[in-house]
């Protein structure tokens, strides 16, 4: 296996990981920003007020995007396993 092949596999892996993480974190980040703006406007400094909405949005995103995320991950793993004979030589 050449170094270029290893780098290509690692690049594809990092791209898929970035996509999977972004799907989860971006909505939570957006909701956290909205809750923080609400807290700043109303001077409410309750920690659970920022935690619960982010948790609910994260669970909702996992329920809605979970099948897509799982198919993306299993498809990539299947491609890597199918390419093993070609990678070895």
N, C-alpha and C. Protein backbone atom coordinates (compact mmCIF):
# COMPACT_ATOMS: atom_id res chain seq x y z
N UNK A 1 0.86 -1.17 0.00
CA UNK A 1 0.00 0.00 0.00
C UNK A 1 0.90 1.23 0.00
N UNK A 2 0.63 2.14 -0.89
CA UNK A 2 1.46 3.33 -1.03
C UNK A 2 1.01 4.41 -0.05
N UNK A 3 1.88 5.34 0.24
CA UNK A 3 1.50 6.45 1.13
C UNK A 3 0.35 7.28 0.56
N UNK A 4 0.28 7.40 -0.75
CA UNK A 4 -0.81 8.15 -1.37
C UNK A 4 -2.16 7.49 -1.10
N UNK A 5 -2.17 6.16 -1.13
CA UNK A 5 -3.41 5.43 -0.86
C UNK A 5 -3.86 5.62 0.58
N UNK A 6 -2.90 5.56 1.49
CA UNK A 6 -3.21 5.77 2.91
C UNK A 6 -3.76 7.18 3.12
N UNK A 7 -3.14 8.16 2.50
CA UNK A 7 -3.60 9.54 2.64
C UNK A 7 -4.99 9.73 2.04
N UNK A 8 -5.26 9.06 0.93
CA UNK A 8 -6.59 9.16 0.32
C UNK A 8 -7.66 8.56 1.23
N UNK A 9 -7.38 7.41 1.80
CA UNK A 9 -8.33 6.78 2.72
C UNK A 9 -8.54 7.66 3.94
N UNK A 10 -7.49 8.21 4.48
CA UNK A 10 -7.61 9.09 5.65
C UNK A 10 -8.38 10.36 5.31
N UNK A 11 -8.16 10.90 4.13
CA UNK A 11 -8.89 12.11 3.71
C UNK A 11 -10.38 11.82 3.59
N UNK A 12 -10.73 10.70 2.99
CA UNK A 12 -12.14 10.32 2.87
C UNK A 12 -12.76 10.10 4.25
N UNK A 13 -12.01 9.46 5.14
CA UNK A 13 -12.50 9.21 6.50
C UNK A 13 -12.75 10.52 7.23
N UNK A 14 -11.83 11.45 7.13
CA UNK A 14 -12.00 12.74 7.80
C UNK A 14 -13.16 13.54 7.21
N UNK A 15 -13.38 13.43 5.91
CA UNK A 15 -14.52 14.12 5.30
C UNK A 15 -15.84 13.56 5.81
N UNK A 16 -15.93 12.25 5.92
CA UNK A 16 -17.17 11.64 6.41
C UNK A 16 -17.38 11.97 7.88
N UNK A 17 -16.33 11.94 8.68
CA UNK A 17 -16.44 12.30 10.10
C UNK A 17 -16.89 13.75 10.24
N UNK A 18 -16.32 14.63 9.44
CA UNK A 18 -16.71 16.04 9.50
C UNK A 18 -18.17 16.23 9.13
N UNK A 19 -18.64 15.52 8.11
CA UNK A 19 -20.06 15.63 7.74
C UNK A 19 -20.96 15.12 8.86
N UNK A 20 -20.61 14.00 9.45
CA UNK A 20 -21.44 13.43 10.51
C UNK A 20 -21.47 14.32 11.74
N UNK A 21 -20.34 14.89 12.10
CA UNK A 21 -20.29 15.77 13.27
C UNK A 21 -21.01 17.07 13.00
N UNK A 22 -20.87 17.61 11.80
CA UNK A 22 -21.52 18.89 11.47
C UNK A 22 -23.03 18.76 11.52
N UNK A 23 -23.56 17.62 11.09
CA UNK A 23 -25.01 17.42 11.11
C UNK A 23 -25.54 17.49 12.54
N UNK A 24 -24.75 17.03 13.49
CA UNK A 24 -25.19 17.04 14.89
C UNK A 24 -24.91 18.38 15.55
N UNK A 25 -23.72 18.92 15.33
CA UNK A 25 -23.30 20.10 16.10
C UNK A 25 -23.87 21.42 15.61
N UNK A 26 -24.06 21.59 14.31
CA UNK A 26 -24.54 22.88 13.81
C UNK A 26 -25.93 23.25 14.33
N UNK A 27 -26.91 22.34 14.32
CA UNK A 27 -28.20 22.73 14.91
C UNK A 27 -28.09 23.03 16.41
N UNK A 28 -27.29 22.27 17.14
CA UNK A 28 -27.11 22.54 18.57
C UNK A 28 -26.44 23.89 18.79
N UNK A 29 -25.49 24.23 17.94
CA UNK A 29 -24.83 25.52 18.03
C UNK A 29 -25.81 26.65 17.77
N UNK A 30 -26.66 26.50 16.76
CA UNK A 30 -27.65 27.52 16.44
C UNK A 30 -28.65 27.70 17.58
N UNK A 31 -29.14 26.61 18.14
CA UNK A 31 -30.09 26.70 19.26
C UNK A 31 -29.40 27.30 20.48
N UNK A 32 -28.17 26.94 20.74
CA UNK A 32 -27.43 27.53 21.86
C UNK A 32 -27.25 29.03 21.70
N UNK A 33 -27.01 29.46 20.47
CA UNK A 33 -26.88 30.90 20.20
C UNK A 33 -28.20 31.62 20.45
N UNK A 34 -29.30 31.04 20.00
CA UNK A 34 -30.61 31.65 20.23
C UNK A 34 -30.95 31.72 21.71
N UNK A 35 -30.67 30.65 22.43
CA UNK A 35 -30.96 30.63 23.87
C UNK A 35 -30.07 31.64 24.60
N UNK A 36 -28.83 31.75 24.20
CA UNK A 36 -27.92 32.73 24.82
C UNK A 36 -28.38 34.15 24.57
N UNK A 37 -28.87 34.41 23.37
CA UNK A 37 -29.40 35.75 23.09
C UNK A 37 -30.64 36.02 23.94
N UNK A 38 -31.50 35.02 24.10
CA UNK A 38 -32.68 35.17 24.95
C UNK A 38 -32.27 35.41 26.40
N UNK A 39 -31.27 34.67 26.88
CA UNK A 39 -30.79 34.86 28.26
C UNK A 39 -30.19 36.24 28.45
N UNK A 40 -29.46 36.71 27.47
CA UNK A 40 -28.86 38.05 27.59
C UNK A 40 -29.93 39.13 27.58
N UNK A 41 -30.98 38.92 26.80
CA UNK A 41 -32.03 39.93 26.72
C UNK A 41 -32.89 39.97 27.97
N UNK A 42 -33.07 38.81 28.61
CA UNK A 42 -33.95 38.75 29.79
C UNK A 42 -33.19 38.69 31.10
N UNK A 43 -31.87 38.63 31.06
CA UNK A 43 -31.02 38.52 32.26
C UNK A 43 -31.33 37.28 33.08
N UNK A 44 -31.73 36.22 32.43
CA UNK A 44 -31.94 34.93 33.09
C UNK A 44 -30.66 34.12 32.93
N UNK A 45 -30.06 33.71 34.04
CA UNK A 45 -28.80 32.97 33.98
C UNK A 45 -28.97 31.56 34.52
N UNK A 46 -29.92 30.85 34.00
CA UNK A 46 -30.17 29.47 34.42
C UNK A 46 -29.44 28.52 33.48
N UNK A 47 -28.64 27.60 34.03
CA UNK A 47 -27.83 26.70 33.21
C UNK A 47 -28.69 25.69 32.46
N UNK A 48 -29.77 25.22 33.10
CA UNK A 48 -30.60 24.22 32.42
C UNK A 48 -31.35 24.81 31.25
N UNK A 49 -31.56 26.12 31.26
CA UNK A 49 -32.25 26.76 30.15
C UNK A 49 -31.45 26.65 28.85
N UNK A 50 -30.15 26.61 28.95
CA UNK A 50 -29.34 26.45 27.74
C UNK A 50 -29.08 24.98 27.41
N UNK A 51 -29.10 24.12 28.42
CA UNK A 51 -28.76 22.72 28.19
C UNK A 51 -29.92 21.93 27.60
N UNK A 52 -31.10 22.09 28.12
CA UNK A 52 -32.26 21.29 27.70
C UNK A 52 -32.61 21.50 26.23
N UNK A 53 -32.71 22.73 25.72
CA UNK A 53 -33.02 22.88 24.28
C UNK A 53 -31.97 22.26 23.37
N UNK A 54 -30.69 22.41 23.73
CA UNK A 54 -29.63 21.82 22.91
C UNK A 54 -29.73 20.30 22.93
N UNK A 55 -30.04 19.74 24.09
CA UNK A 55 -30.19 18.29 24.19
C UNK A 55 -31.36 17.80 23.36
N UNK A 56 -32.48 18.50 23.42
CA UNK A 56 -33.65 18.11 22.65
C UNK A 56 -33.41 18.22 21.14
N UNK A 57 -32.74 19.28 20.72
CA UNK A 57 -32.44 19.44 19.29
C UNK A 57 -31.46 18.37 18.82
N UNK A 58 -30.49 18.04 19.65
CA UNK A 58 -29.53 16.99 19.28
C UNK A 58 -30.23 15.65 19.14
N UNK A 59 -31.13 15.33 20.07
CA UNK A 59 -31.88 14.07 19.98
C UNK A 59 -32.76 14.07 18.74
N UNK A 60 -33.42 15.18 18.46
CA UNK A 60 -34.28 15.28 17.28
C UNK A 60 -33.47 15.10 15.99
N UNK A 61 -32.30 15.72 15.93
CA UNK A 61 -31.45 15.58 14.75
C UNK A 61 -30.98 14.13 14.60
N UNK A 62 -30.63 13.48 15.70
CA UNK A 62 -30.21 12.09 15.62
C UNK A 62 -31.36 11.18 15.17
N UNK A 63 -32.57 11.48 15.60
CA UNK A 63 -33.71 10.68 15.16
C UNK A 63 -33.98 10.89 13.68
N UNK A 64 -33.93 12.15 13.24
CA UNK A 64 -34.25 12.45 11.84
C UNK A 64 -33.12 12.09 10.89
N UNK A 65 -31.89 12.40 11.26
CA UNK A 65 -30.75 12.17 10.35
C UNK A 65 -30.01 10.88 10.64
N UNK A 66 -30.42 10.15 11.67
CA UNK A 66 -29.73 8.92 12.04
C UNK A 66 -29.66 7.88 10.93
N UNK A 67 -30.78 7.61 10.25
CA UNK A 67 -30.69 6.62 9.16
C UNK A 67 -29.74 7.04 8.04
N UNK A 68 -29.74 8.32 7.69
CA UNK A 68 -28.82 8.80 6.67
C UNK A 68 -27.37 8.67 7.14
N UNK A 69 -27.13 9.03 8.40
CA UNK A 69 -25.78 8.94 8.95
C UNK A 69 -25.31 7.49 8.97
N UNK A 70 -26.19 6.59 9.37
CA UNK A 70 -25.83 5.18 9.43
C UNK A 70 -25.56 4.62 8.04
N UNK A 71 -26.37 4.99 7.06
CA UNK A 71 -26.14 4.50 5.70
C UNK A 71 -24.85 5.05 5.12
N UNK A 72 -24.53 6.30 5.43
CA UNK A 72 -23.28 6.89 4.96
C UNK A 72 -22.08 6.15 5.56
N UNK A 73 -22.15 5.88 6.84
CA UNK A 73 -21.06 5.20 7.53
C UNK A 73 -20.91 3.75 7.08
N UNK A 74 -22.02 3.04 6.95
CA UNK A 74 -21.93 1.65 6.51
C UNK A 74 -21.51 1.55 5.05
N UNK A 75 -21.95 2.49 4.22
CA UNK A 75 -21.51 2.50 2.82
C UNK A 75 -20.01 2.71 2.70
N UNK A 76 -19.49 3.62 3.52
CA UNK A 76 -18.05 3.86 3.47
C UNK A 76 -17.27 2.64 3.97
N UNK A 77 -17.75 2.05 5.06
CA UNK A 77 -17.07 0.86 5.58
C UNK A 77 -17.11 -0.28 4.57
N UNK A 78 -18.23 -0.44 3.90
CA UNK A 78 -18.35 -1.49 2.89
C UNK A 78 -17.39 -1.24 1.73
N UNK A 79 -17.27 0.03 1.30
CA UNK A 79 -16.33 0.34 0.22
C UNK A 79 -14.89 0.04 0.64
N UNK A 80 -14.54 0.39 1.88
CA UNK A 80 -13.18 0.14 2.34
C UNK A 80 -12.90 -1.36 2.40
N UNK A 81 -13.86 -2.13 2.93
CA UNK A 81 -13.66 -3.57 3.00
C UNK A 81 -13.59 -4.22 1.62
N UNK A 82 -14.36 -3.72 0.67
CA UNK A 82 -14.31 -4.26 -0.68
C UNK A 82 -13.00 -3.89 -1.39
N UNK A 83 -12.39 -2.79 -1.00
CA UNK A 83 -11.15 -2.36 -1.63
C UNK A 83 -9.91 -2.99 -1.02
N UNK A 84 -10.05 -3.75 0.04
CA UNK A 84 -8.88 -4.34 0.70
C UNK A 84 -8.05 -5.19 -0.27
N UNK A 85 -8.65 -6.06 -1.07
CA UNK A 85 -7.79 -6.84 -2.00
C UNK A 85 -7.00 -5.97 -2.97
N UNK A 86 -7.59 -4.88 -3.41
CA UNK A 86 -6.89 -3.99 -4.36
C UNK A 86 -5.81 -3.18 -3.64
N UNK A 87 -6.02 -2.89 -2.37
CA UNK A 87 -5.05 -2.11 -1.61
C UNK A 87 -3.82 -2.93 -1.25
N UNK A 88 -4.03 -4.21 -1.01
CA UNK A 88 -2.90 -5.07 -0.63
C UNK A 88 -2.01 -5.34 -1.83
N UNK A 89 -2.60 -5.50 -2.96
CA UNK A 89 -1.76 -5.68 -4.14
C UNK A 89 -2.31 -6.72 -4.98
